[in-house]
Amino acid sequence: MLKLRIFLLFIGTISLVLGVKFIYDARPIVKKYFSFGDKNEATVGLKIFGFLLSIIGATIIYFMF
Protein backbone atom coordinates (compact mmCIF):
# COMPACT_ATOMS: atom_id res chain seq x y z
CA MET A 1 0.00 0.00 0.00
CA LEU A 2 2.83 2.41 0.83
CA LYS A 3 4.56 1.65 -2.48
CA LEU A 4 1.38 2.47 -4.38
CA ARG A 5 1.04 5.81 -2.57
CA ILE A 6 4.65 6.71 -3.33
CA PHE A 7 4.22 5.68 -6.96
CA LEU A 8 1.04 7.76 -7.36
CA LEU A 9 2.69 10.70 -5.62
CA PHE A 10 5.58 10.45 -8.07
CA ILE A 11 3.24 10.24 -11.08
CA GLY A 12 1.16 13.17 -9.81
CA THR A 13 4.22 15.31 -9.21
CA ILE A 14 5.70 14.56 -12.62
CA SER A 15 2.44 15.32 -14.42
CA LEU A 16 1.99 18.53 -12.43
CA VAL A 17 5.50 19.73 -13.27
CA LEU A 18 5.15 18.82 -16.95
CA GLY A 19 1.80 20.59 -17.12
CA VAL A 20 3.25 23.80 -15.71
CA LYS A 21 6.23 23.49 -18.07
CA PHE A 22 3.90 23.16 -21.06
CA ILE A 23 1.89 26.19 -19.94
CA TYR A 24 4.84 28.55 -19.49
CA ASP A 25 7.09 27.36 -22.32
CA ALA A 26 4.47 26.57 -24.97
CA ARG A 27 5.75 28.95 -27.63
CA PRO A 28 9.44 27.86 -27.53
CA ILE A 29 8.38 24.20 -27.50
CA VAL A 30 6.17 24.72 -30.56
CA LYS A 31 8.92 26.61 -32.39
CA LYS A 32 11.47 23.88 -31.65
CA TYR A 33 9.48 20.69 -32.30
CA PHE A 34 6.67 21.58 -34.71
CA SER A 35 7.00 23.13 -38.12
CA PHE A 36 3.57 23.90 -39.45
CA GLY A 37 1.97 27.18 -40.41
CA ASP A 38 -0.26 28.24 -37.54
CA LYS A 39 1.97 28.35 -34.49
CA ASN A 40 -0.60 30.30 -32.44
CA GLU A 41 -3.11 27.47 -32.67
CA ALA A 42 -0.50 24.92 -31.66
CA THR A 43 0.56 27.11 -28.73
CA VAL A 44 -3.00 27.34 -27.46
CA GLY A 45 -3.42 23.58 -27.82
CA LEU A 46 -0.23 22.93 -25.86
CA LYS A 47 -1.31 25.33 -23.12
CA ILE A 48 -4.69 23.61 -22.83
CA PHE A 49 -2.96 20.23 -22.67
CA GLY A 50 -0.60 21.54 -19.98
CA PHE A 51 -3.53 22.90 -17.98
CA LEU A 52 -5.36 19.58 -18.09
CA LEU A 53 -2.19 17.68 -17.22
CA SER A 54 -1.52 19.90 -14.24
CA ILE A 55 -5.13 19.52 -13.03
CA ILE A 56 -4.82 15.73 -13.24
CA GLY A 57 -1.51 15.78 -11.35
CA ALA A 58 -2.85 18.07 -8.64
CA THR A 59 -5.95 15.90 -8.24
CA ILE A 60 -3.84 12.77 -7.81
CA ILE A 61 -1.69 14.49 -5.18
CA TYR A 62 -4.73 15.95 -3.40
CA PHE A 63 -6.56 12.64 -3.06
CA MET A 64 -3.46 10.73 -1.98
CA PHE A 65 -2.98 12.89 1.14
C-alpha atoms as a PDB file:
ATOM      1  CA  MET A   1       0.000   0.000   0.000  1.00  0.00           C
ATOM      2  CA  LEU A   2       2.826   2.408   0.828  1.00  0.00           C
ATOM      3  CA  LYS A   3       4.565   1.650  -2.484  1.00  0.00           C
ATOM      4  CA  LEU A   4       1.385   2.465  -4.383  1.00  0.00           C
ATOM      5  CA  ARG A   5       1.036   5.814  -2.572  1.00  0.00           C
ATOM      6  CA  ILE A   6       4.651   6.706  -3.328  1.00  0.00           C
ATOM      7  CA  PHE A   7       4.217   5.684  -6.964  1.00  0.00           C
ATOM      8  CA  LEU A   8       1.038   7.758  -7.360  1.00  0.00           C
ATOM      9  CA  LEU A   9       2.693  10.704  -5.619  1.00  0.00           C
ATOM     10  CA  PHE A  10       5.583  10.450  -8.073  1.00  0.00           C
ATOM     11  CA  ILE A  11       3.240  10.242 -11.082  1.00  0.00           C
ATOM     12  CA  GLY A  12       1.156  13.168  -9.808  1.00  0.00           C
ATOM     13  CA  THR A  13       4.217  15.311  -9.209  1.00  0.00           C
ATOM     14  CA  ILE A  14       5.705  14.561 -12.616  1.00  0.00           C
ATOM     15  CA  SER A  15       2.442  15.319 -14.419  1.00  0.00           C
ATOM     16  CA  LEU A  16       1.986  18.535 -12.435  1.00  0.00           C
ATOM     17  CA  VAL A  17       5.502  19.728 -13.268  1.00  0.00           C
ATOM     18  CA  LEU A  18       5.150  18.819 -16.953  1.00  0.00           C
ATOM     19  CA  GLY A  19       1.800  20.592 -17.119  1.00  0.00           C
ATOM     20  CA  VAL A  20       3.250  23.798 -15.713  1.00  0.00           C
ATOM     21  CA  LYS A  21       6.234  23.493 -18.067  1.00  0.00           C
ATOM     22  CA  PHE A  22       3.895  23.163 -21.056  1.00  0.00           C
ATOM     23  CA  ILE A  23       1.888  26.194 -19.940  1.00  0.00           C
ATOM     24  CA  TYR A  24       4.835  28.552 -19.495  1.00  0.00           C
ATOM     25  CA  ASP A  25       7.086  27.360 -22.324  1.00  0.00           C
ATOM     26  CA  ALA A  26       4.474  26.574 -24.970  1.00  0.00           C
ATOM     27  CA  ARG A  27       5.755  28.953 -27.633  1.00  0.00           C
ATOM     28  CA  PRO A  28       9.442  27.858 -27.528  1.00  0.00           C
ATOM     29  CA  ILE A  29       8.382  24.201 -27.498  1.00  0.00           C
ATOM     30  CA  VAL A  30       6.169  24.720 -30.556  1.00  0.00           C
ATOM     31  CA  LYS A  31       8.923  26.605 -32.393  1.00  0.00           C
ATOM     32  CA  LYS A  32      11.467  23.880 -31.646  1.00  0.00           C
ATOM     33  CA  TYR A  33       9.484  20.689 -32.301  1.00  0.00           C
ATOM     34  CA  PHE A  34       6.674  21.578 -34.711  1.00  0.00           C
ATOM     35  CA  SER A  35       6.995  23.128 -38.117  1.00  0.00           C
ATOM     36  CA  PHE A  36       3.565  23.900 -39.455  1.00  0.00           C
ATOM     37  CA  GLY A  37       1.969  27.176 -40.408  1.00  0.00           C
ATOM     38  CA  ASP A  38      -0.265  28.238 -37.541  1.00  0.00           C
ATOM     39  CA  LYS A  39       1.967  28.351 -34.490  1.00  0.00           C
ATOM     40  CA  ASN A  40      -0.595  30.296 -32.436  1.00  0.00           C
ATOM     41  CA  GLU A  41      -3.108  27.475 -32.671  1.00  0.00           C
ATOM     42  CA  ALA A  42      -0.496  24.916 -31.656  1.00  0.00           C
ATOM     43  CA  THR A  43       0.560  27.106 -28.726  1.00  0.00           C
ATOM     44  CA  VAL A  44      -3.004  27.343 -27.461  1.00  0.00           C
ATOM     45  CA  GLY A  45      -3.417  23.583 -27.819  1.00  0.00           C
ATOM     46  CA  LEU A  46      -0.228  22.933 -25.865  1.00  0.00           C
ATOM     47  CA  LYS A  47      -1.308  25.335 -23.122  1.00  0.00           C
ATOM     48  CA  ILE A  48      -4.686  23.608 -22.827  1.00  0.00           C
ATOM     49  CA  PHE A  49      -2.955  20.229 -22.668  1.00  0.00           C
ATOM     50  CA  GLY A  50      -0.603  21.543 -19.977  1.00  0.00           C
ATOM     51  CA  PHE A  51      -3.525  22.901 -17.984  1.00  0.00           C
ATOM     52  CA  LEU A  52      -5.359  19.579 -18.093  1.00  0.00           C
ATOM     53  CA  LEU A  53      -2.195  17.675 -17.219  1.00  0.00           C
ATOM     54  CA  SER A  54      -1.520  19.904 -14.238  1.00  0.00           C
ATOM     55  CA  ILE A  55      -5.128  19.518 -13.027  1.00  0.00           C
ATOM     56  CA  ILE A  56      -4.817  15.731 -13.236  1.00  0.00           C
ATOM     57  CA  GLY A  57      -1.510  15.782 -11.348  1.00  0.00           C
ATOM     58  CA  ALA A  58      -2.848  18.070  -8.636  1.00  0.00           C
ATOM     59  CA  THR A  59      -5.952  15.901  -8.244  1.00  0.00           C
ATOM     60  CA  ILE A  60      -3.839  12.772  -7.810  1.00  0.00           C
ATOM     61  CA  ILE A  61      -1.691  14.492  -5.184  1.00  0.00           C
ATOM     62  CA  TYR A  62      -4.726  15.946  -3.398  1.00  0.00           C
ATOM     63  CA  PHE A  63      -6.558  12.641  -3.064  1.00  0.00           C
ATOM     64  CA  MET A  64      -3.464  10.725  -1.978  1.00  0.00           C
ATOM     65  CA  PHE A  65      -2.979  12.890   1.142  1.00  0.00           C
END
